Amino acid sequence: MDTSNLLRLNWEICYDKEDWFLPVADALKGLTAEQAHWRPEGGPVNTIWETLNHLIFYKERMLKRMMGEETAYPEGVTNEDTFKVESTGEEAWAETVQHSHDVHLAIRERIAGLKDDDWENAAPGRRLDQWLNSLALHDAHHAGQIVLLRKLQGSWPAQRS
């Protein structure tokens, strides 16, 4: 399997194709805005919504890198800033979920269009395949956090097929 196909498969597994672990899209399925904005008491824990915004931020940066529009981390933005939720409510939540879906698919399409020679030069700092693999693992990490939060709040089904 060539690099492009392997990364596209990993990209799908992390977002919408269940394999050894639950993908992000399935972890979000059926969530209301209220559930997405819920935070457990007693500790500094990000909400599901905050976590999804964080994932979107880094995927948007990757897409910009792949399009040659960004080469450095945005000045004045900290990692903590990436978790911010600007507005709440069902419509805002639906838009956030759709935005996550759209940026993920845009990267998938870009991956599909890359040739072997493109991997070396498509992103600054290290090979693009390394960046994308790391970003896919980032999704897997946060998908687990989302499921844990859903279990804590009681919005995760007791049984899954």
N, C-alpha and C. Protein backbone atom coordinates (compact mmCIF):
# COMPACT_ATOMS: atom_id res chain seq x y z
N MET A 1 0.85 -1.17 0.00
CA MET A 1 0.00 0.00 0.00
C MET A 1 0.90 1.24 0.00
N ASP A 2 0.63 2.18 -0.89
CA ASP A 2 1.46 3.38 -0.95
C ASP A 2 1.12 4.35 0.18
N THR A 3 1.98 5.35 0.37
CA THR A 3 1.83 6.30 1.47
C THR A 3 0.48 6.99 1.45
N SER A 4 0.06 7.43 0.29
CA SER A 4 -1.21 8.15 0.17
C SER A 4 -2.39 7.29 0.62
N ASN A 5 -2.44 6.06 0.16
CA ASN A 5 -3.56 5.18 0.53
C ASN A 5 -3.53 4.81 2.01
N LEU A 6 -2.34 4.58 2.54
CA LEU A 6 -2.23 4.24 3.96
C LEU A 6 -2.66 5.41 4.84
N LEU A 7 -2.23 6.61 4.50
CA LEU A 7 -2.63 7.78 5.29
C LEU A 7 -4.12 8.07 5.14
N ARG A 8 -4.66 7.88 3.94
CA ARG A 8 -6.10 8.08 3.76
C ARG A 8 -6.89 7.09 4.61
N LEU A 9 -6.43 5.83 4.68
CA LEU A 9 -7.08 4.84 5.53
C LEU A 9 -7.00 5.25 7.00
N ASN A 10 -5.82 5.66 7.46
CA ASN A 10 -5.69 6.12 8.85
C ASN A 10 -6.58 7.32 9.12
N TRP A 11 -6.65 8.22 8.16
CA TRP A 11 -7.47 9.42 8.29
C TRP A 11 -8.94 9.04 8.46
N GLU A 12 -9.40 8.06 7.67
CA GLU A 12 -10.78 7.59 7.77
C GLU A 12 -11.04 6.90 9.10
N ILE A 13 -10.10 6.06 9.53
CA ILE A 13 -10.26 5.33 10.79
C ILE A 13 -10.37 6.30 11.96
N CYS A 14 -9.64 7.37 11.94
CA CYS A 14 -9.69 8.32 13.05
C CYS A 14 -10.93 9.18 13.04
N TYR A 15 -11.57 9.32 11.90
CA TYR A 15 -12.73 10.22 11.86
C TYR A 15 -14.06 9.49 11.70
N ASP A 16 -14.18 8.57 10.74
CA ASP A 16 -15.52 8.04 10.50
C ASP A 16 -15.59 6.56 10.11
N LYS A 17 -14.51 5.83 10.32
CA LYS A 17 -14.51 4.40 9.98
C LYS A 17 -13.97 3.63 11.19
N GLU A 18 -14.87 2.97 11.92
CA GLU A 18 -14.45 2.30 13.15
C GLU A 18 -13.52 1.13 12.84
N ASP A 19 -12.49 1.02 13.64
CA ASP A 19 -11.52 -0.05 13.51
C ASP A 19 -11.21 -0.55 14.93
N TRP A 20 -10.00 -0.43 15.41
CA TRP A 20 -9.65 -0.86 16.76
C TRP A 20 -10.16 0.11 17.82
N PHE A 21 -10.45 1.31 17.42
CA PHE A 21 -10.95 2.32 18.36
C PHE A 21 -12.05 3.12 17.67
N LEU A 22 -12.78 3.82 18.48
CA LEU A 22 -13.93 4.58 18.00
C LEU A 22 -13.47 5.86 17.30
N PRO A 23 -13.98 6.15 16.12
CA PRO A 23 -13.60 7.39 15.44
C PRO A 23 -14.35 8.60 16.02
N VAL A 24 -13.81 9.77 15.77
CA VAL A 24 -14.37 11.01 16.30
C VAL A 24 -15.84 11.18 15.93
N ALA A 25 -16.21 10.97 14.68
CA ALA A 25 -17.60 11.17 14.25
C ALA A 25 -18.56 10.31 15.06
N ASP A 26 -18.18 9.07 15.35
CA ASP A 26 -19.04 8.21 16.15
C ASP A 26 -19.09 8.67 17.61
N ALA A 27 -17.98 9.18 18.12
CA ALA A 27 -17.96 9.68 19.50
C ALA A 27 -18.89 10.87 19.67
N LEU A 28 -19.12 11.63 18.59
CA LEU A 28 -19.97 12.82 18.64
C LEU A 28 -21.43 12.54 18.34
N LYS A 29 -21.70 11.39 17.76
CA LYS A 29 -23.04 11.07 17.26
C LYS A 29 -24.10 11.21 18.35
N GLY A 30 -25.15 11.96 18.04
CA GLY A 30 -26.30 12.08 18.93
C GLY A 30 -26.14 13.08 20.07
N LEU A 31 -25.02 13.77 20.14
CA LEU A 31 -24.80 14.73 21.22
C LEU A 31 -25.60 16.01 21.02
N THR A 32 -26.16 16.52 22.08
CA THR A 32 -26.83 17.81 22.05
C THR A 32 -25.81 18.89 22.40
N ALA A 33 -26.17 20.13 22.16
CA ALA A 33 -25.29 21.24 22.53
C ALA A 33 -25.05 21.25 24.04
N GLU A 34 -26.08 20.99 24.80
CA GLU A 34 -25.94 20.97 26.26
C GLU A 34 -24.95 19.89 26.70
N GLN A 35 -25.04 18.71 26.12
CA GLN A 35 -24.12 17.63 26.46
C GLN A 35 -22.69 17.97 26.01
N ALA A 36 -22.56 18.58 24.85
CA ALA A 36 -21.25 18.94 24.33
C ALA A 36 -20.58 20.02 25.18
N HIS A 37 -21.39 20.85 25.85
CA HIS A 37 -20.87 21.95 26.66
C HIS A 37 -20.73 21.58 28.15
N TRP A 38 -21.09 20.35 28.50
CA TRP A 38 -21.04 19.88 29.89
C TRP A 38 -19.60 19.67 30.34
N ARG A 39 -19.36 20.04 31.61
CA ARG A 39 -18.04 19.86 32.20
C ARG A 39 -18.23 19.18 33.57
N PRO A 40 -17.48 18.11 33.84
CA PRO A 40 -17.61 17.47 35.14
C PRO A 40 -17.08 18.38 36.25
N GLU A 41 -17.64 18.25 37.41
CA GLU A 41 -17.20 19.06 38.54
C GLU A 41 -15.85 18.58 39.06
N GLY A 42 -15.11 19.53 39.64
CA GLY A 42 -13.94 19.16 40.40
C GLY A 42 -12.61 19.18 39.71
N GLY A 43 -12.53 19.60 38.49
CA GLY A 43 -11.21 19.61 37.88
C GLY A 43 -11.16 20.38 36.59
N PRO A 44 -9.96 20.69 36.15
CA PRO A 44 -9.80 21.44 34.89
C PRO A 44 -9.90 20.49 33.68
N VAL A 45 -11.11 20.24 33.25
CA VAL A 45 -11.36 19.32 32.14
C VAL A 45 -12.02 20.10 31.01
N ASN A 46 -11.56 19.88 29.80
CA ASN A 46 -12.20 20.52 28.65
C ASN A 46 -13.51 19.82 28.34
N THR A 47 -14.46 20.60 27.85
CA THR A 47 -15.72 20.02 27.40
C THR A 47 -15.51 19.34 26.05
N ILE A 48 -16.50 18.58 25.63
CA ILE A 48 -16.45 17.95 24.31
C ILE A 48 -16.39 19.03 23.23
N TRP A 49 -17.16 20.07 23.40
CA TRP A 49 -17.19 21.16 22.43
C TRP A 49 -15.83 21.84 22.33
N GLU A 50 -15.25 22.11 23.48
CA GLU A 50 -13.91 22.71 23.48
C GLU A 50 -12.91 21.80 22.77
N THR A 51 -13.00 20.53 23.05
CA THR A 51 -12.09 19.56 22.43
C THR A 51 -12.28 19.52 20.92
N LEU A 52 -13.52 19.55 20.47
CA LEU A 52 -13.77 19.54 19.02
C LEU A 52 -13.21 20.82 18.38
N ASN A 53 -13.36 21.95 19.03
CA ASN A 53 -12.77 23.20 18.50
C ASN A 53 -11.25 23.07 18.39
N HIS A 54 -10.64 22.45 19.36
CA HIS A 54 -9.21 22.20 19.36
C HIS A 54 -8.81 21.34 18.16
N LEU A 55 -9.55 20.28 17.91
CA LEU A 55 -9.28 19.42 16.76
C LEU A 55 -9.43 20.18 15.45
N ILE A 56 -10.48 20.99 15.36
CA ILE A 56 -10.72 21.79 14.15
C ILE A 56 -9.57 22.76 13.91
N PHE A 57 -9.11 23.42 14.96
CA PHE A 57 -8.03 24.39 14.82
C PHE A 57 -6.81 23.75 14.15
N TYR A 58 -6.39 22.60 14.66
CA TYR A 58 -5.18 21.98 14.12
C TYR A 58 -5.42 21.38 12.73
N LYS A 59 -6.62 20.93 12.45
CA LYS A 59 -6.91 20.43 11.10
C LYS A 59 -6.95 21.58 10.09
N GLU A 60 -7.50 22.71 10.50
CA GLU A 60 -7.49 23.88 9.60
C GLU A 60 -6.06 24.31 9.30
N ARG A 61 -5.20 24.28 10.29
CA ARG A 61 -3.79 24.62 10.07
C ARG A 61 -3.16 23.64 9.09
N MET A 62 -3.45 22.36 9.25
CA MET A 62 -2.90 21.35 8.34
C MET A 62 -3.39 21.59 6.92
N LEU A 63 -4.66 21.87 6.77
CA LEU A 63 -5.21 22.13 5.44
C LEU A 63 -4.53 23.34 4.81
N LYS A 64 -4.34 24.40 5.60
CA LYS A 64 -3.65 25.59 5.09
C LYS A 64 -2.21 25.26 4.69
N ARG A 65 -1.55 24.44 5.48
CA ARG A 65 -0.18 24.03 5.12
C ARG A 65 -0.18 23.26 3.81
N MET A 66 -1.14 22.37 3.67
CA MET A 66 -1.21 21.56 2.46
C MET A 66 -1.50 22.41 1.22
N MET A 67 -2.14 23.56 1.44
CA MET A 67 -2.46 24.46 0.34
C MET A 67 -1.41 25.55 0.17
N GLY A 68 -0.36 25.50 1.00
CA GLY A 68 0.71 26.48 0.91
C GLY A 68 0.35 27.84 1.47
N GLU A 69 -0.68 27.91 2.32
CA GLU A 69 -1.15 29.19 2.87
C GLU A 69 -0.60 29.49 4.26
N GLU A 70 0.01 28.50 4.93
CA GLU A 70 0.53 28.74 6.27
C GLU A 70 1.84 27.97 6.45
N THR A 71 2.79 28.65 7.06
CA THR A 71 4.07 28.00 7.30
C THR A 71 4.49 28.04 8.76
N ALA A 72 3.83 28.85 9.59
CA ALA A 72 4.22 28.97 10.99
C ALA A 72 2.97 29.01 11.87
N TYR A 73 3.17 28.70 13.14
CA TYR A 73 2.07 28.77 14.11
C TYR A 73 1.59 30.21 14.20
N PRO A 74 0.28 30.43 14.22
CA PRO A 74 -0.23 31.80 14.28
C PRO A 74 0.31 32.56 15.50
N GLU A 75 0.82 33.74 15.26
CA GLU A 75 1.41 34.54 16.31
C GLU A 75 0.36 34.94 17.34
N GLY A 76 0.73 34.82 18.61
CA GLY A 76 -0.15 35.25 19.69
C GLY A 76 -1.22 34.24 20.08
N VAL A 77 -1.26 33.08 19.43
CA VAL A 77 -2.25 32.06 19.74
C VAL A 77 -1.57 30.97 20.56
N THR A 78 -2.16 30.65 21.71
CA THR A 78 -1.63 29.56 22.53
C THR A 78 -2.47 28.31 22.30
N ASN A 79 -1.95 27.18 22.72
CA ASN A 79 -2.72 25.95 22.62
C ASN A 79 -4.04 26.07 23.38
N GLU A 80 -4.02 26.73 24.54
CA GLU A 80 -5.25 26.92 25.32
C GLU A 80 -6.31 27.69 24.53
N ASP A 81 -5.87 28.64 23.69
CA ASP A 81 -6.80 29.42 22.88
C ASP A 81 -7.59 28.55 21.91
N THR A 82 -7.03 27.41 21.53
CA THR A 82 -7.67 26.56 20.52
C THR A 82 -8.92 25.86 21.04
N PHE A 83 -9.12 25.87 22.35
CA PHE A 83 -10.27 25.19 22.95
C PHE A 83 -11.50 26.09 23.12
N LYS A 84 -11.38 27.37 22.82
CA LYS A 84 -12.46 28.32 23.09
C LYS A 84 -13.73 28.01 22.32
N VAL A 85 -14.85 28.21 22.99
CA VAL A 85 -16.18 28.11 22.37
C VAL A 85 -16.74 29.52 22.34
N GLU A 86 -17.00 30.02 21.15
CA GLU A 86 -17.46 31.41 21.00
C GLU A 86 -18.94 31.60 21.31
N SER A 87 -19.77 30.68 20.84
CA SER A 87 -21.21 30.78 21.10
C SER A 87 -21.76 29.38 21.31
N THR A 88 -22.86 29.30 22.05
CA THR A 88 -23.46 28.01 22.35
C THR A 88 -24.87 27.94 21.79
N GLY A 89 -25.49 26.80 21.94
CA GLY A 89 -26.83 26.57 21.42
C GLY A 89 -26.79 25.49 20.35
N GLU A 90 -27.95 24.93 20.08
CA GLU A 90 -28.03 23.81 19.14
C GLU A 90 -27.52 24.16 17.74
N GLU A 91 -27.85 25.35 17.26
CA GLU A 91 -27.41 25.74 15.93
C GLU A 91 -25.88 25.88 15.87
N ALA A 92 -25.32 26.51 16.88
CA ALA A 92 -23.86 26.67 16.93
C ALA A 92 -23.17 25.31 17.04
N TRP A 93 -23.75 24.37 17.81
CA TRP A 93 -23.17 23.04 17.93
C TRP A 93 -23.23 22.31 16.58
N ALA A 94 -24.37 22.37 15.92
CA ALA A 94 -24.51 21.72 14.61
C ALA A 94 -23.50 22.30 13.62
N GLU A 95 -23.28 23.61 13.66
CA GLU A 95 -22.30 24.24 12.77
C GLU A 95 -20.88 23.77 13.09
N THR A 96 -20.58 23.61 14.38
CA THR A 96 -19.25 23.15 14.78
C THR A 96 -19.01 21.72 14.29
N VAL A 97 -19.99 20.86 14.47
CA VAL A 97 -19.87 19.47 14.02
C VAL A 97 -19.70 19.43 12.50
N GLN A 98 -20.48 20.23 11.79
CA GLN A 98 -20.38 20.27 10.32
C GLN A 98 -19.02 20.81 9.89
N HIS A 99 -18.56 21.82 10.57
CA HIS A 99 -17.24 22.39 10.25
C HIS A 99 -16.15 21.33 10.43
N SER A 100 -16.22 20.58 11.52
CA SER A 100 -15.28 19.49 11.75
C SER A 100 -15.31 18.49 10.60
N HIS A 101 -16.48 18.11 10.20
CA HIS A 101 -16.67 17.17 9.09
C HIS A 101 -16.06 17.73 7.80
N ASP A 102 -16.37 18.98 7.50
CA ASP A 102 -15.91 19.59 6.25
C ASP A 102 -14.40 19.69 6.17
N VAL A 103 -13.75 20.12 7.25
CA VAL A 103 -12.29 20.27 7.20
C VAL A 103 -11.62 18.90 7.14
N HIS A 104 -12.20 17.92 7.81
CA HIS A 104 -11.64 16.57 7.75
C HIS A 104 -11.71 16.02 6.32
N LEU A 105 -12.86 16.19 5.68
CA LEU A 105 -13.01 15.70 4.30
C LEU A 105 -12.12 16.46 3.32
N ALA A 106 -11.92 17.75 3.56
CA ALA A 106 -11.05 18.54 2.68
C ALA A 106 -9.61 18.01 2.74
N ILE A 107 -9.16 17.64 3.93
CA ILE A 107 -7.82 17.07 4.06
C ILE A 107 -7.77 15.70 3.38
N ARG A 108 -8.81 14.90 3.57
CA ARG A 108 -8.86 13.58 2.93
C ARG A 108 -8.74 13.71 1.41
N GLU A 109 -9.44 14.67 0.84
CA GLU A 109 -9.36 14.89 -0.61
C GLU A 109 -7.96 15.31 -1.02
N ARG A 110 -7.32 16.14 -0.23
CA ARG A 110 -5.95 16.56 -0.54
C ARG A 110 -4.99 15.38 -0.48
N ILE A 111 -5.17 14.52 0.53
CA ILE A 111 -4.32 13.34 0.66
C ILE A 111 -4.46 12.48 -0.59
N ALA A 112 -5.69 12.30 -1.03
CA ALA A 112 -5.94 11.45 -2.21
C ALA A 112 -5.26 11.99 -3.46
N GLY A 113 -5.07 13.30 -3.53
CA GLY A 113 -4.47 13.90 -4.71
C GLY A 113 -2.96 13.99 -4.70
N LEU A 114 -2.33 13.61 -3.59
CA LEU A 114 -0.88 13.73 -3.48
C LEU A 114 -0.16 12.56 -4.16
N LYS A 115 0.96 12.88 -4.73
CA LYS A 115 1.83 11.88 -5.35
C LYS A 115 3.02 11.67 -4.41
N ASP A 116 3.78 10.61 -4.63
CA ASP A 116 4.91 10.29 -3.76
C ASP A 116 5.88 11.46 -3.59
N ASP A 117 6.12 12.21 -4.65
CA ASP A 117 7.06 13.33 -4.58
C ASP A 117 6.54 14.49 -3.73
N ASP A 118 5.25 14.56 -3.52
CA ASP A 118 4.64 15.67 -2.78
C ASP A 118 4.86 15.59 -1.27
N TRP A 119 5.12 14.41 -0.75
CA TRP A 119 5.20 14.24 0.70
C TRP A 119 6.33 15.03 1.33
N GLU A 120 7.41 15.19 0.61
CA GLU A 120 8.59 15.86 1.16
C GLU A 120 8.41 17.37 1.27
N ASN A 121 7.71 17.98 0.35
CA ASN A 121 7.70 19.44 0.25
C ASN A 121 6.38 20.11 0.60
N ALA A 122 5.37 19.35 0.97
CA ALA A 122 4.05 19.94 1.16
C ALA A 122 3.83 20.59 2.52
N ALA A 123 4.75 20.44 3.46
CA ALA A 123 4.60 21.06 4.78
C ALA A 123 5.99 21.39 5.34
N PRO A 124 6.11 22.52 6.00
CA PRO A 124 7.41 22.90 6.56
C PRO A 124 7.76 22.09 7.82
N GLY A 125 9.03 21.92 8.05
CA GLY A 125 9.47 21.33 9.29
C GLY A 125 9.71 19.83 9.27
N ARG A 126 8.83 19.10 8.66
CA ARG A 126 9.00 17.66 8.51
C ARG A 126 8.10 17.17 7.39
N ARG A 127 8.25 15.92 7.03
CA ARG A 127 7.48 15.38 5.92
C ARG A 127 5.98 15.45 6.21
N LEU A 128 5.20 15.69 5.19
CA LEU A 128 3.76 15.80 5.33
C LEU A 128 3.14 14.52 5.87
N ASP A 129 3.62 13.35 5.45
CA ASP A 129 3.05 12.11 5.95
C ASP A 129 3.26 11.98 7.46
N GLN A 130 4.36 12.50 7.98
CA GLN A 130 4.60 12.48 9.42
C GLN A 130 3.63 13.42 10.15
N TRP A 131 3.42 14.61 9.58
CA TRP A 131 2.45 15.55 10.17
C TRP A 131 1.06 14.92 10.20
N LEU A 132 0.64 14.34 9.09
CA LEU A 132 -0.71 13.78 8.99
C LEU A 132 -0.89 12.59 9.92
N ASN A 133 0.11 11.74 10.01
CA ASN A 133 0.02 10.60 10.92
C ASN A 133 -0.12 11.09 12.36
N SER A 134 0.67 12.08 12.74
CA SER A 134 0.59 12.64 14.07
C SER A 134 -0.79 13.26 14.34
N LEU A 135 -1.33 13.94 13.35
CA LEU A 135 -2.65 14.56 13.50
C LEU A 135 -3.76 13.51 13.62
N ALA A 136 -3.62 12.40 12.90
CA ALA A 136 -4.59 11.31 13.03
C ALA A 136 -4.55 10.72 14.44
N LEU A 137 -3.36 10.54 14.98
CA LEU A 137 -3.22 10.04 16.35
C LEU A 137 -3.79 11.04 17.36
N HIS A 138 -3.67 12.31 17.06
CA HIS A 138 -4.25 13.37 17.89
C HIS A 138 -5.76 13.20 17.95
N ASP A 139 -6.39 12.91 16.82
CA ASP A 139 -7.83 12.63 16.79
C ASP A 139 -8.18 11.43 17.67
N ALA A 140 -7.40 10.36 17.53
CA ALA A 140 -7.67 9.15 18.31
C ALA A 140 -7.59 9.43 19.81
N HIS A 141 -6.59 10.17 20.20
CA HIS A 141 -6.41 10.55 21.61
C HIS A 141 -7.64 11.29 22.13
N HIS A 142 -8.07 12.30 21.39
CA HIS A 142 -9.20 13.11 21.86
C HIS A 142 -10.54 12.40 21.71
N ALA A 143 -10.66 11.47 20.77
CA ALA A 143 -11.89 10.67 20.67
C ALA A 143 -12.09 9.88 21.96
N GLY A 144 -11.01 9.35 22.50
CA GLY A 144 -11.10 8.63 23.77
C GLY A 144 -11.55 9.53 24.91
N GLN A 145 -11.06 10.76 24.92
CA GLN A 145 -11.50 11.72 25.95
C GLN A 145 -12.99 12.03 25.80
N ILE A 146 -13.43 12.17 24.57
CA ILE A 146 -14.85 12.48 24.32
C ILE A 146 -15.73 11.34 24.84
N VAL A 147 -15.36 10.11 24.55
CA VAL A 147 -16.13 8.96 25.03
C VAL A 147 -16.14 8.93 26.55
N LEU A 148 -15.00 9.18 27.18
CA LEU A 148 -14.95 9.19 28.64
C LEU A 148 -15.89 10.26 29.21
N LEU A 149 -15.87 11.45 28.64
CA LEU A 149 -16.79 12.51 29.10
C LEU A 149 -18.24 12.09 28.93
N ARG A 150 -18.56 11.46 27.82
CA ARG A 150 -19.93 11.00 27.59
C ARG A 150 -20.32 9.94 28.62
N LYS A 151 -19.40 9.07 28.96
CA LYS A 151 -19.69 8.06 29.98
C LYS A 151 -19.92 8.71 31.33
N LEU A 152 -19.11 9.71 31.66
CA LEU A 152 -19.27 10.40 32.93
C LEU A 152 -20.60 11.14 33.04
N GLN A 153 -21.06 11.69 31.93
CA GLN A 153 -22.32 12.44 31.96
C GLN A 153 -23.53 11.55 31.73
N GLY A 154 -23.31 10.30 31.38
CA GLY A 154 -24.43 9.36 31.17
C GLY A 154 -25.04 9.44 29.79
N SER A 155 -24.35 10.05 28.82
CA SER A 155 -24.91 10.15 27.47
C SER A 155 -24.35 9.10 26.51
N TRP A 156 -23.53 8.20 27.03
CA TRP A 156 -22.96 7.13 26.20
C TRP A 156 -23.86 5.90 26.34
N PRO A 157 -24.20 5.25 25.23
CA PRO A 157 -25.07 4.07 25.33
C PRO A 157 -24.43 2.94 26.15
N ALA A 158 -25.26 2.26 26.92
CA ALA A 158 -24.77 1.16 27.75
C ALA A 158 -24.25 0.02 26.87
N GLN A 159 -24.84 -0.13 25.69
CA GLN A 159 -24.42 -1.18 24.75
C GLN A 159 -24.26 -0.59 23.37
N ARG A 160 -23.20 -0.99 22.69
CA ARG A 160 -22.99 -0.61 21.29
C ARG A 160 -22.85 -1.86 20.48
N SER A 161 -23.37 -1.84 19.27
CA SER A 161 -23.24 -3.03 18.42
C SER A 161 -21.92 -3.00 17.69
